[in-house]
Amino acid sequence: MTHTSHLAETAAAYDAVAELYTELTWDELRGQPLDRAMFAAFAELTRDTGPVLEVGCGPGRIVAHLHDLGLEVSGVDLSPAMIDIARRTRPGLRFEVGSMDALETADGGLAGLVSWYSVIHSPPETLPGYFAEFRRVLRPGGHLLLGFFEAEAREVTAFDHRVVTAYRWPIDGLREHAREAGFTEIGRMSREPHGDERPFRHGRLLLRLGGPA
C-alpha cells in the first residue's frame, strides 16, 4: 500500500464512524486525571509563547480542552467528517482538513504541537517523515506532546483498532525516532488502561525541539 492510499484509507475509515467516535470520546478526559496532568504541563510550557496545533484532532475534544487551559490552539485532521463535527460543535475554534505530514504551517510557526493517538495509524516506515514535519513547523525550543498505545515488547506491534490498523510502540523506540529528528525528552508518563479502554498500556512523551533548556 502506498503512503497516499494509506492516508485515504484512514480518512475514509474515520469518516464512516465519525458520529459514533464523537459520542464515545466526547467526555473521556473527565475520568483521566493523569492525562489531564500531561496536558496541564504542556499548557504551562507553551502558554503565551505562540500558537499550538493538534494533528489528528478528530472531533476537537483535545483542542477544546487546551483552549480552556489558555492556549491559542487549532486542529487539523484527515477526516472531513470529523472536521465537520468539530466545527459544528465548537464554532469558536479553528479546524482544518489536512495531513500531519504536509501541514499548511510556516517553518517554525508553532510554539507547540500535540499528536494524541494520531501516529498510531502510521506504518513504522512513515514515522520519520512525520517527525521531520513536526520539526519543520515547530520553532526552536517548541514542545511536542505524543499520546500512543505502548508495546510491552521492544518491537512495534500492529493490532486491529476496529477503525483502521494501528500500531503499538515501545516508549523508548518512539523516543528514539523523536531524538533522531532533533527532539529531547523532558518527561514521560505510562498508565494502565481505564474502564472500557483497550487492554494496552498508554504512553505519553513530552519533548522539546533542540537540546535541554
N, C-alpha and C. Protein backbone atom coordinates (compact mmCIF):
# COMPACT_ATOMS: atom_id res chain seq x y z
N MET A 1 0.84 -1.20 0.00
CA MET A 1 0.00 0.00 0.00
C MET A 1 0.88 1.25 0.00
N THR A 2 0.59 2.19 -0.88
CA THR A 2 1.36 3.42 -0.91
C THR A 2 0.96 4.32 0.25
N HIS A 3 1.83 5.31 0.52
CA HIS A 3 1.54 6.25 1.61
C HIS A 3 0.23 6.99 1.34
N THR A 4 0.03 7.41 0.07
CA THR A 4 -1.18 8.14 -0.27
C THR A 4 -2.43 7.30 -0.06
N SER A 5 -2.39 6.03 -0.46
CA SER A 5 -3.57 5.18 -0.28
C SER A 5 -3.81 4.87 1.19
N HIS A 6 -2.73 4.78 1.97
CA HIS A 6 -2.89 4.58 3.42
C HIS A 6 -3.62 5.76 4.04
N LEU A 7 -3.25 6.98 3.67
CA LEU A 7 -3.91 8.17 4.20
C LEU A 7 -5.38 8.20 3.79
N ALA A 8 -5.66 7.84 2.54
CA ALA A 8 -7.04 7.84 2.06
C ALA A 8 -7.87 6.80 2.80
N GLU A 9 -7.29 5.63 3.06
CA GLU A 9 -7.99 4.59 3.81
C GLU A 9 -8.29 5.04 5.23
N THR A 10 -7.32 5.69 5.87
CA THR A 10 -7.52 6.16 7.24
C THR A 10 -8.62 7.22 7.30
N ALA A 11 -8.58 8.17 6.35
CA ALA A 11 -9.61 9.22 6.32
C ALA A 11 -11.00 8.62 6.11
N ALA A 12 -11.11 7.69 5.18
CA ALA A 12 -12.42 7.08 4.90
C ALA A 12 -12.92 6.28 6.09
N ALA A 13 -12.02 5.58 6.77
CA ALA A 13 -12.43 4.77 7.92
C ALA A 13 -12.98 5.66 9.04
N TYR A 14 -12.35 6.79 9.28
CA TYR A 14 -12.83 7.69 10.33
C TYR A 14 -14.07 8.47 9.89
N ASP A 15 -14.18 8.78 8.62
CA ASP A 15 -15.42 9.38 8.12
C ASP A 15 -16.61 8.48 8.44
N ALA A 16 -16.42 7.17 8.26
CA ALA A 16 -17.52 6.23 8.41
C ALA A 16 -18.00 6.10 9.85
N VAL A 17 -17.14 6.41 10.82
CA VAL A 17 -17.52 6.22 12.24
C VAL A 17 -17.50 7.54 13.00
N ALA A 18 -17.49 8.66 12.30
CA ALA A 18 -17.26 9.95 12.95
C ALA A 18 -18.28 10.24 14.05
N GLU A 19 -19.55 10.02 13.79
CA GLU A 19 -20.59 10.33 14.79
C GLU A 19 -20.46 9.42 16.01
N LEU A 20 -20.27 8.13 15.78
CA LEU A 20 -20.12 7.19 16.90
C LEU A 20 -18.85 7.48 17.69
N TYR A 21 -17.76 7.74 17.00
CA TYR A 21 -16.49 8.05 17.67
C TYR A 21 -16.66 9.28 18.56
N THR A 22 -17.33 10.29 18.04
CA THR A 22 -17.56 11.51 18.82
C THR A 22 -18.35 11.22 20.08
N GLU A 23 -19.39 10.41 19.94
CA GLU A 23 -20.24 10.06 21.09
C GLU A 23 -19.43 9.32 22.16
N LEU A 24 -18.55 8.41 21.72
CA LEU A 24 -17.80 7.58 22.66
C LEU A 24 -16.67 8.34 23.36
N THR A 25 -16.14 9.36 22.72
CA THR A 25 -14.94 10.03 23.27
C THR A 25 -15.23 11.43 23.79
N TRP A 26 -16.45 11.90 23.69
CA TRP A 26 -16.77 13.29 23.96
C TRP A 26 -16.25 13.79 25.30
N ASP A 27 -16.42 12.99 26.34
CA ASP A 27 -16.09 13.44 27.70
C ASP A 27 -15.04 12.54 28.34
N GLU A 28 -14.19 11.92 27.54
CA GLU A 28 -13.29 10.90 28.08
C GLU A 28 -12.25 11.46 29.05
N LEU A 29 -11.89 12.73 28.90
CA LEU A 29 -10.86 13.28 29.79
C LEU A 29 -11.34 13.45 31.23
N ARG A 30 -12.65 13.48 31.43
CA ARG A 30 -13.18 13.68 32.77
C ARG A 30 -12.65 12.62 33.74
N GLY A 31 -12.51 11.39 33.27
CA GLY A 31 -12.05 10.32 34.15
C GLY A 31 -10.58 9.99 34.02
N GLN A 32 -9.79 10.90 33.46
CA GLN A 32 -8.37 10.63 33.23
C GLN A 32 -7.49 11.72 33.84
N PRO A 33 -7.31 11.72 35.15
CA PRO A 33 -6.52 12.77 35.79
C PRO A 33 -5.05 12.77 35.36
N LEU A 34 -4.48 11.60 35.04
CA LEU A 34 -3.08 11.58 34.62
C LEU A 34 -2.92 12.21 33.24
N ASP A 35 -3.86 11.94 32.35
CA ASP A 35 -3.81 12.58 31.03
C ASP A 35 -3.98 14.09 31.16
N ARG A 36 -4.91 14.51 32.00
CA ARG A 36 -5.11 15.95 32.19
C ARG A 36 -3.84 16.59 32.76
N ALA A 37 -3.11 15.87 33.58
CA ALA A 37 -1.87 16.41 34.13
C ALA A 37 -0.83 16.63 33.03
N MET A 38 -0.77 15.72 32.06
CA MET A 38 0.16 15.90 30.94
C MET A 38 -0.23 17.11 30.10
N PHE A 39 -1.51 17.28 29.87
CA PHE A 39 -1.95 18.45 29.12
C PHE A 39 -1.68 19.74 29.90
N ALA A 40 -1.85 19.68 31.21
CA ALA A 40 -1.58 20.86 32.03
C ALA A 40 -0.10 21.24 31.96
N ALA A 41 0.79 20.25 31.98
CA ALA A 41 2.22 20.53 31.88
C ALA A 41 2.55 21.12 30.51
N PHE A 42 1.98 20.53 29.46
CA PHE A 42 2.19 21.05 28.11
C PHE A 42 1.68 22.49 28.01
N ALA A 43 0.51 22.77 28.59
CA ALA A 43 -0.05 24.11 28.54
C ALA A 43 0.84 25.11 29.27
N GLU A 44 1.37 24.71 30.41
CA GLU A 44 2.24 25.62 31.17
C GLU A 44 3.49 25.97 30.37
N LEU A 45 4.00 25.00 29.61
CA LEU A 45 5.22 25.23 28.84
C LEU A 45 4.98 26.08 27.60
N THR A 46 3.78 26.06 27.06
CA THR A 46 3.53 26.73 25.78
C THR A 46 2.64 27.97 25.89
N ARG A 47 1.98 28.17 27.02
CA ARG A 47 1.05 29.28 27.16
C ARG A 47 1.77 30.62 26.95
N ASP A 48 1.17 31.48 26.15
CA ASP A 48 1.68 32.83 25.87
C ASP A 48 3.00 32.82 25.11
N THR A 49 3.35 31.69 24.48
CA THR A 49 4.58 31.65 23.69
C THR A 49 4.31 31.56 22.20
N GLY A 50 3.05 31.37 21.80
CA GLY A 50 2.71 31.28 20.39
C GLY A 50 1.64 30.24 20.15
N PRO A 51 1.24 30.06 18.88
CA PRO A 51 0.15 29.13 18.57
C PRO A 51 0.54 27.68 18.75
N VAL A 52 -0.48 26.87 19.00
CA VAL A 52 -0.34 25.43 19.21
C VAL A 52 -1.28 24.73 18.24
N LEU A 53 -0.89 23.58 17.75
CA LEU A 53 -1.71 22.81 16.81
C LEU A 53 -1.84 21.38 17.30
N GLU A 54 -3.07 20.82 17.22
CA GLU A 54 -3.23 19.39 17.41
C GLU A 54 -3.41 18.74 16.06
N VAL A 55 -2.57 17.74 15.74
CA VAL A 55 -2.70 16.99 14.50
C VAL A 55 -3.46 15.71 14.78
N GLY A 56 -4.40 15.38 13.89
CA GLY A 56 -5.28 14.25 14.16
C GLY A 56 -6.28 14.58 15.24
N CYS A 57 -6.90 15.75 15.12
CA CYS A 57 -7.72 16.30 16.22
C CYS A 57 -9.09 15.66 16.34
N GLY A 58 -9.52 14.86 15.33
CA GLY A 58 -10.85 14.25 15.42
C GLY A 58 -11.93 15.30 15.60
N PRO A 59 -12.90 15.05 16.50
CA PRO A 59 -14.00 15.99 16.70
C PRO A 59 -13.66 17.18 17.58
N GLY A 60 -12.39 17.32 17.98
CA GLY A 60 -11.95 18.55 18.62
C GLY A 60 -11.95 18.57 20.13
N ARG A 61 -12.07 17.42 20.78
CA ARG A 61 -12.18 17.44 22.24
C ARG A 61 -10.89 17.90 22.91
N ILE A 62 -9.73 17.52 22.37
CA ILE A 62 -8.46 17.92 22.96
C ILE A 62 -8.18 19.39 22.67
N VAL A 63 -8.50 19.84 21.45
CA VAL A 63 -8.35 21.26 21.12
C VAL A 63 -9.16 22.10 22.09
N ALA A 64 -10.41 21.69 22.36
CA ALA A 64 -11.25 22.44 23.28
C ALA A 64 -10.67 22.46 24.68
N HIS A 65 -10.11 21.33 25.13
CA HIS A 65 -9.51 21.27 26.46
C HIS A 65 -8.30 22.19 26.55
N LEU A 66 -7.45 22.19 25.53
CA LEU A 66 -6.28 23.05 25.54
C LEU A 66 -6.67 24.53 25.48
N HIS A 67 -7.73 24.81 24.75
CA HIS A 67 -8.23 26.19 24.72
C HIS A 67 -8.68 26.62 26.11
N ASP A 68 -9.35 25.73 26.82
CA ASP A 68 -9.78 26.03 28.18
C ASP A 68 -8.60 26.24 29.12
N LEU A 69 -7.45 25.66 28.76
CA LEU A 69 -6.24 25.85 29.57
C LEU A 69 -5.48 27.12 29.19
N GLY A 70 -6.05 27.89 28.28
CA GLY A 70 -5.48 29.19 27.96
C GLY A 70 -4.58 29.24 26.74
N LEU A 71 -4.61 28.20 25.90
CA LEU A 71 -3.74 28.18 24.74
C LEU A 71 -4.43 28.72 23.49
N GLU A 72 -3.64 29.29 22.61
CA GLU A 72 -4.08 29.68 21.27
C GLU A 72 -3.91 28.44 20.39
N VAL A 73 -5.00 27.69 20.19
CA VAL A 73 -4.88 26.35 19.64
C VAL A 73 -5.87 26.13 18.51
N SER A 74 -5.46 25.32 17.53
CA SER A 74 -6.33 24.91 16.44
C SER A 74 -6.09 23.43 16.16
N GLY A 75 -6.88 22.85 15.24
CA GLY A 75 -6.76 21.43 14.97
C GLY A 75 -6.80 21.12 13.50
N VAL A 76 -6.17 20.01 13.12
CA VAL A 76 -6.20 19.52 11.74
C VAL A 76 -6.43 18.02 11.77
N ASP A 77 -7.18 17.51 10.80
CA ASP A 77 -7.47 16.08 10.75
C ASP A 77 -7.68 15.66 9.30
N LEU A 78 -7.33 14.40 9.01
CA LEU A 78 -7.54 13.84 7.67
C LEU A 78 -9.00 13.71 7.30
N SER A 79 -9.85 13.49 8.29
CA SER A 79 -11.25 13.14 8.05
C SER A 79 -12.14 14.37 7.92
N PRO A 80 -12.70 14.63 6.74
CA PRO A 80 -13.63 15.76 6.60
C PRO A 80 -14.83 15.65 7.52
N ALA A 81 -15.31 14.42 7.76
CA ALA A 81 -16.48 14.25 8.64
C ALA A 81 -16.14 14.66 10.06
N MET A 82 -14.96 14.31 10.53
CA MET A 82 -14.53 14.71 11.87
C MET A 82 -14.42 16.24 11.96
N ILE A 83 -13.85 16.85 10.95
CA ILE A 83 -13.71 18.31 10.97
C ILE A 83 -15.08 18.99 10.92
N ASP A 84 -16.02 18.42 10.18
CA ASP A 84 -17.38 18.98 10.16
C ASP A 84 -17.99 18.97 11.57
N ILE A 85 -17.79 17.87 12.30
CA ILE A 85 -18.32 17.78 13.65
C ILE A 85 -17.62 18.78 14.56
N ALA A 86 -16.30 18.87 14.45
CA ALA A 86 -15.55 19.81 15.29
C ALA A 86 -16.02 21.25 15.06
N ARG A 87 -16.20 21.62 13.81
CA ARG A 87 -16.64 22.99 13.50
C ARG A 87 -18.06 23.24 13.99
N ARG A 88 -18.90 22.21 13.90
CA ARG A 88 -20.30 22.37 14.31
C ARG A 88 -20.45 22.45 15.82
N THR A 89 -19.67 21.66 16.55
CA THR A 89 -19.85 21.57 17.99
C THR A 89 -18.98 22.57 18.76
N ARG A 90 -17.94 23.08 18.11
CA ARG A 90 -17.03 24.04 18.76
C ARG A 90 -16.77 25.19 17.80
N PRO A 91 -17.81 25.99 17.52
CA PRO A 91 -17.72 27.00 16.46
C PRO A 91 -16.73 28.12 16.74
N GLY A 92 -16.30 28.30 17.96
CA GLY A 92 -15.36 29.38 18.25
C GLY A 92 -13.91 29.02 17.99
N LEU A 93 -13.64 27.77 17.58
CA LEU A 93 -12.27 27.31 17.38
C LEU A 93 -12.04 27.00 15.91
N ARG A 94 -10.77 26.93 15.52
CA ARG A 94 -10.42 26.74 14.11
C ARG A 94 -9.99 25.30 13.86
N PHE A 95 -10.61 24.69 12.84
CA PHE A 95 -10.31 23.33 12.44
C PHE A 95 -10.18 23.26 10.92
N GLU A 96 -9.20 22.49 10.43
CA GLU A 96 -8.96 22.36 9.00
C GLU A 96 -8.72 20.89 8.65
N VAL A 97 -9.11 20.53 7.43
CA VAL A 97 -8.78 19.21 6.89
C VAL A 97 -7.34 19.24 6.39
N GLY A 98 -6.56 18.23 6.76
CA GLY A 98 -5.18 18.19 6.31
C GLY A 98 -4.45 16.99 6.87
N SER A 99 -3.24 16.77 6.37
CA SER A 99 -2.42 15.64 6.79
C SER A 99 -1.26 16.14 7.63
N MET A 100 -0.91 15.38 8.65
CA MET A 100 0.14 15.81 9.55
C MET A 100 1.54 15.67 8.95
N ASP A 101 1.63 15.12 7.73
CA ASP A 101 2.94 15.09 7.07
C ASP A 101 3.09 16.20 6.03
N ALA A 102 2.07 17.06 5.91
CA ALA A 102 2.13 18.18 4.96
C ALA A 102 1.27 19.31 5.50
N LEU A 103 1.67 19.88 6.61
CA LEU A 103 0.89 20.89 7.30
C LEU A 103 1.00 22.24 6.60
N GLU A 104 -0.11 22.95 6.55
CA GLU A 104 -0.10 24.28 5.95
C GLU A 104 0.28 25.31 7.00
N THR A 105 1.49 25.14 7.51
CA THR A 105 2.03 25.98 8.58
C THR A 105 3.43 26.40 8.18
N ALA A 106 3.77 27.65 8.41
CA ALA A 106 5.10 28.15 8.06
C ALA A 106 6.18 27.46 8.89
N ASP A 107 7.38 27.42 8.35
CA ASP A 107 8.51 26.89 9.10
C ASP A 107 8.65 27.63 10.42
N GLY A 108 8.73 26.88 11.51
CA GLY A 108 8.89 27.50 12.82
C GLY A 108 7.70 28.31 13.27
N GLY A 109 6.52 28.00 12.74
CA GLY A 109 5.34 28.81 13.05
C GLY A 109 4.61 28.45 14.32
N LEU A 110 5.00 27.35 14.97
CA LEU A 110 4.27 26.87 16.14
C LEU A 110 5.15 26.85 17.39
N ALA A 111 4.52 27.15 18.53
CA ALA A 111 5.18 27.00 19.82
C ALA A 111 4.98 25.61 20.38
N GLY A 112 3.93 24.92 19.95
CA GLY A 112 3.65 23.60 20.47
C GLY A 112 2.83 22.78 19.49
N LEU A 113 2.95 21.47 19.60
CA LEU A 113 2.21 20.55 18.73
C LEU A 113 1.81 19.33 19.55
N VAL A 114 0.57 18.90 19.39
CA VAL A 114 0.05 17.71 20.08
C VAL A 114 -0.31 16.66 19.04
N SER A 115 0.19 15.46 19.23
CA SER A 115 -0.17 14.31 18.40
C SER A 115 -0.72 13.25 19.35
N TRP A 116 -2.04 13.29 19.54
CA TRP A 116 -2.69 12.45 20.56
C TRP A 116 -3.34 11.26 19.87
N TYR A 117 -2.63 10.12 19.86
CA TYR A 117 -3.09 8.92 19.19
C TYR A 117 -3.27 9.13 17.68
N SER A 118 -2.48 10.00 17.08
CA SER A 118 -2.53 10.16 15.62
C SER A 118 -1.41 9.39 14.94
N VAL A 119 -0.23 9.29 15.55
CA VAL A 119 0.83 8.50 14.91
C VAL A 119 0.57 7.00 15.02
N ILE A 120 -0.43 6.59 15.80
CA ILE A 120 -0.67 5.15 15.96
C ILE A 120 -1.09 4.49 14.65
N HIS A 121 -1.63 5.24 13.72
CA HIS A 121 -2.06 4.66 12.44
C HIS A 121 -0.98 4.75 11.37
N SER A 122 0.19 5.22 11.72
CA SER A 122 1.27 5.41 10.75
C SER A 122 2.13 4.15 10.69
N PRO A 123 2.24 3.50 9.52
CA PRO A 123 3.18 2.39 9.41
C PRO A 123 4.57 2.82 9.85
N PRO A 124 5.32 1.95 10.51
CA PRO A 124 6.61 2.35 11.09
C PRO A 124 7.53 3.06 10.11
N GLU A 125 7.52 2.65 8.84
CA GLU A 125 8.45 3.26 7.89
C GLU A 125 8.10 4.70 7.56
N THR A 126 6.87 5.13 7.87
CA THR A 126 6.47 6.51 7.57
C THR A 126 6.77 7.47 8.72
N LEU A 127 7.10 6.94 9.88
CA LEU A 127 7.21 7.80 11.06
C LEU A 127 8.30 8.88 10.94
N PRO A 128 9.48 8.58 10.38
CA PRO A 128 10.48 9.65 10.25
C PRO A 128 9.98 10.87 9.48
N GLY A 129 9.14 10.64 8.47
CA GLY A 129 8.59 11.77 7.72
C GLY A 129 7.68 12.65 8.57
N TYR A 130 6.91 12.04 9.45
CA TYR A 130 6.05 12.82 10.34
C TYR A 130 6.87 13.63 11.34
N PHE A 131 7.88 13.01 11.92
CA PHE A 131 8.71 13.74 12.86
C PHE A 131 9.47 14.88 12.17
N ALA A 132 9.86 14.67 10.91
CA ALA A 132 10.51 15.74 10.17
C ALA A 132 9.56 16.93 9.97
N GLU A 133 8.28 16.63 9.72
CA GLU A 133 7.31 17.71 9.57
C GLU A 133 7.04 18.40 10.90
N PHE A 134 6.98 17.64 11.99
CA PHE A 134 6.82 18.25 13.30
C PHE A 134 7.99 19.20 13.59
N ARG A 135 9.19 18.76 13.25
CA ARG A 135 10.37 19.60 13.45
C ARG A 135 10.30 20.87 12.61
N ARG A 136 9.82 20.73 11.37
CA ARG A 136 9.75 21.90 10.49
C ARG A 136 8.84 22.98 11.03
N VAL A 137 7.66 22.61 11.53
CA VAL A 137 6.67 23.61 11.91
C VAL A 137 6.89 24.17 13.31
N LEU A 138 7.68 23.48 14.14
CA LEU A 138 7.94 23.96 15.50
C LEU A 138 9.15 24.90 15.51
N ARG A 139 9.06 25.94 16.30
CA ARG A 139 10.21 26.83 16.48
C ARG A 139 11.21 26.17 17.42
N PRO A 140 12.48 26.55 17.37
CA PRO A 140 13.45 26.00 18.32
C PRO A 140 12.97 26.21 19.76
N GLY A 141 13.04 25.14 20.54
CA GLY A 141 12.53 25.20 21.91
C GLY A 141 11.05 24.91 22.02
N GLY A 142 10.36 24.71 20.88
CA GLY A 142 8.95 24.36 20.91
C GLY A 142 8.73 22.97 21.48
N HIS A 143 7.50 22.68 21.88
CA HIS A 143 7.20 21.43 22.58
C HIS A 143 6.25 20.54 21.80
N LEU A 144 6.49 19.25 21.91
CA LEU A 144 5.69 18.22 21.26
C LEU A 144 5.20 17.25 22.32
N LEU A 145 3.87 16.99 22.30
CA LEU A 145 3.27 16.01 23.22
C LEU A 145 2.70 14.87 22.40
N LEU A 146 3.14 13.66 22.68
CA LEU A 146 2.68 12.47 21.99
C LEU A 146 1.86 11.59 22.93
N GLY A 147 0.72 11.10 22.43
CA GLY A 147 -0.05 10.08 23.14
C GLY A 147 -0.19 8.87 22.23
N PHE A 148 -0.04 7.65 22.79
CA PHE A 148 0.00 6.45 21.95
C PHE A 148 -0.24 5.22 22.81
N PHE A 149 -0.44 4.09 22.16
CA PHE A 149 -0.51 2.80 22.84
C PHE A 149 0.90 2.22 22.93
N GLU A 150 1.25 1.72 24.11
CA GLU A 150 2.57 1.15 24.30
C GLU A 150 2.61 -0.32 23.91
N ALA A 151 3.76 -0.74 23.40
CA ALA A 151 4.06 -2.16 23.20
C ALA A 151 4.92 -2.64 24.35
N GLU A 152 4.57 -3.78 24.93
CA GLU A 152 5.37 -4.31 26.03
C GLU A 152 6.72 -4.82 25.53
N ALA A 153 6.74 -5.37 24.32
CA ALA A 153 7.99 -5.87 23.75
C ALA A 153 8.79 -4.70 23.19
N ARG A 154 9.96 -5.00 22.67
CA ARG A 154 10.81 -3.96 22.12
C ARG A 154 10.52 -3.67 20.65
N GLU A 155 9.51 -4.33 20.10
CA GLU A 155 9.18 -4.17 18.69
C GLU A 155 7.81 -3.53 18.54
N VAL A 156 7.63 -2.81 17.44
CA VAL A 156 6.33 -2.25 17.10
C VAL A 156 5.36 -3.39 16.84
N THR A 157 4.15 -3.26 17.34
CA THR A 157 3.15 -4.32 17.23
C THR A 157 1.89 -3.79 16.58
N ALA A 158 1.48 -4.37 15.45
CA ALA A 158 0.23 -3.98 14.80
C ALA A 158 -0.95 -4.64 15.50
N PHE A 159 -2.09 -3.96 15.48
CA PHE A 159 -3.30 -4.55 16.05
C PHE A 159 -4.53 -3.99 15.36
N ASP A 160 -5.65 -4.68 15.52
CA ASP A 160 -6.92 -4.26 14.93
C ASP A 160 -7.54 -3.20 15.83
N HIS A 161 -7.55 -1.96 15.35
CA HIS A 161 -8.05 -0.83 16.12
C HIS A 161 -9.57 -0.70 16.03
N ARG A 162 -10.21 -1.55 15.23
CA ARG A 162 -11.63 -1.52 14.89
C ARG A 162 -11.94 -0.47 13.82
N VAL A 163 -11.24 0.66 13.85
CA VAL A 163 -11.46 1.67 12.80
C VAL A 163 -10.54 1.37 11.63
N VAL A 164 -9.25 1.32 11.87
CA VAL A 164 -8.26 1.02 10.84
C VAL A 164 -7.00 0.52 11.57
N THR A 165 -6.17 -0.24 10.88
CA THR A 165 -4.98 -0.83 11.51
C THR A 165 -4.18 0.21 12.28
N ALA A 166 -3.73 -0.17 13.47
CA ALA A 166 -2.93 0.72 14.30
C ALA A 166 -1.71 -0.03 14.81
N TYR A 167 -0.81 0.73 15.45
CA TYR A 167 0.46 0.17 15.90
C TYR A 167 0.73 0.61 17.33
N ARG A 168 1.21 -0.35 18.12
CA ARG A 168 1.68 -0.06 19.47
C ARG A 168 3.19 0.12 19.43
N TRP A 169 3.68 1.12 20.15
CA TRP A 169 5.10 1.46 20.10
C TRP A 169 5.75 1.28 21.47
N PRO A 170 6.94 0.68 21.51
CA PRO A 170 7.72 0.75 22.76
C PRO A 170 8.09 2.21 23.01
N ILE A 171 7.92 2.65 24.22
CA ILE A 171 8.08 4.07 24.50
C ILE A 171 9.50 4.55 24.19
N ASP A 172 10.49 3.71 24.44
CA ASP A 172 11.87 4.11 24.12
C ASP A 172 12.10 4.14 22.61
N GLY A 173 11.43 3.27 21.87
CA GLY A 173 11.57 3.29 20.43
C GLY A 173 11.00 4.55 19.81
N LEU A 174 9.85 4.99 20.32
CA LEU A 174 9.26 6.22 19.81
C LEU A 174 10.12 7.42 20.21
N ARG A 175 10.65 7.41 21.41
CA ARG A 175 11.55 8.47 21.86
C ARG A 175 12.78 8.55 20.95
N GLU A 176 13.28 7.39 20.51
CA GLU A 176 14.47 7.38 19.65
C GLU A 176 14.17 8.01 18.29
N HIS A 177 13.00 7.73 17.73
CA HIS A 177 12.60 8.40 16.49
C HIS A 177 12.57 9.91 16.67
N ALA A 178 12.02 10.34 17.79
CA ALA A 178 11.95 11.77 18.07
C ALA A 178 13.36 12.35 18.24
N ARG A 179 14.23 11.63 18.93
CA ARG A 179 15.60 12.11 19.12
C ARG A 179 16.32 12.29 17.79
N GLU A 180 16.14 11.33 16.89
CA GLU A 180 16.78 11.42 15.58
C GLU A 180 16.28 12.62 14.78
N ALA A 181 15.08 13.08 15.09
CA ALA A 181 14.53 14.26 14.41
C ALA A 181 14.89 15.57 15.11
N GLY A 182 15.63 15.48 16.21
CA GLY A 182 16.09 16.70 16.88
C GLY A 182 15.38 17.04 18.16
N PHE A 183 14.57 16.12 18.68
CA PHE A 183 13.81 16.38 19.90
C PHE A 183 14.51 15.79 21.12
N THR A 184 14.33 16.45 22.25
CA THR A 184 14.86 15.99 23.53
C THR A 184 13.71 15.67 24.47
N GLU A 185 13.73 14.50 25.06
CA GLU A 185 12.68 14.14 26.02
C GLU A 185 12.84 14.97 27.29
N ILE A 186 11.71 15.52 27.75
CA ILE A 186 11.74 16.22 29.03
C ILE A 186 10.81 15.56 30.05
N GLY A 187 10.00 14.60 29.61
CA GLY A 187 9.16 13.89 30.55
C GLY A 187 8.36 12.81 29.85
N ARG A 188 7.91 11.84 30.64
CA ARG A 188 7.09 10.76 30.10
C ARG A 188 6.12 10.28 31.17
N MET A 189 5.08 9.61 30.69
CA MET A 189 4.12 9.00 31.60
C MET A 189 3.58 7.74 30.95
N SER A 190 3.38 6.72 31.75
CA SER A 190 2.81 5.47 31.28
C SER A 190 1.73 5.06 32.26
N ARG A 191 0.56 4.75 31.74
CA ARG A 191 -0.53 4.38 32.64
C ARG A 191 -1.24 3.13 32.14
N GLU A 192 -1.93 2.48 33.06
CA GLU A 192 -2.72 1.31 32.73
C GLU A 192 -4.04 1.73 32.08
N PRO A 193 -4.67 0.82 31.32
CA PRO A 193 -5.98 1.15 30.74
C PRO A 193 -7.02 1.37 31.83
N HIS A 194 -8.02 2.16 31.49
CA HIS A 194 -9.05 2.54 32.45
C HIS A 194 -10.41 2.21 31.87
N GLY A 195 -11.28 1.63 32.67
CA GLY A 195 -12.66 1.39 32.25
C GLY A 195 -12.75 0.51 31.02
N ASP A 196 -13.40 1.03 29.97
CA ASP A 196 -13.64 0.28 28.75
C ASP A 196 -12.52 0.42 27.72
N GLU A 197 -11.40 1.02 28.10
CA GLU A 197 -10.31 1.18 27.15
C GLU A 197 -9.73 -0.18 26.75
N ARG A 198 -9.08 -0.20 25.61
CA ARG A 198 -8.39 -1.42 25.18
C ARG A 198 -7.35 -1.83 26.23
N PRO A 199 -7.07 -3.12 26.36
CA PRO A 199 -6.19 -3.60 27.44
C PRO A 199 -4.71 -3.41 27.13
N PHE A 200 -4.34 -2.20 26.76
CA PHE A 200 -2.95 -1.87 26.48
C PHE A 200 -2.53 -0.71 27.37
N ARG A 201 -1.25 -0.69 27.73
CA ARG A 201 -0.73 0.48 28.43
C ARG A 201 -0.73 1.68 27.49
N HIS A 202 -0.88 2.86 28.10
CA HIS A 202 -0.91 4.11 27.35
C HIS A 202 0.35 4.91 27.66
N GLY A 203 1.06 5.31 26.62
CA GLY A 203 2.29 6.06 26.80
C GLY A 203 2.12 7.52 26.41
N ARG A 204 2.86 8.41 27.09
CA ARG A 204 2.88 9.83 26.78
C ARG A 204 4.34 10.29 26.81
N LEU A 205 4.74 11.04 25.81
CA LEU A 205 6.08 11.63 25.76
C LEU A 205 5.95 13.13 25.58
N LEU A 206 6.65 13.88 26.40
CA LEU A 206 6.71 15.34 26.30
C LEU A 206 8.13 15.68 25.88
N LEU A 207 8.27 16.38 24.74
CA LEU A 207 9.56 16.60 24.12
C LEU A 207 9.76 18.06 23.77
N ARG A 208 11.02 18.46 23.69
CA ARG A 208 11.38 19.82 23.27
C ARG A 208 12.23 19.74 22.01
N LEU A 209 11.98 20.64 21.08
CA LEU A 209 12.81 20.69 19.87
C LEU A 209 14.13 21.37 20.21
N GLY A 210 15.22 20.59 20.08
CA GLY A 210 16.54 21.08 20.45
C GLY A 210 17.00 20.45 21.75
N GLY A 211 18.13 20.92 22.25
CA GLY A 211 18.69 20.37 23.47
C GLY A 211 18.00 20.87 24.71
N PRO A 212 18.48 20.47 25.88
CA PRO A 212 17.90 20.90 27.15
C PRO A 212 17.86 22.42 27.25
N ALA A 213 16.83 22.94 27.92
CA ALA A 213 16.69 24.39 28.10
C ALA A 213 17.76 24.91 29.04
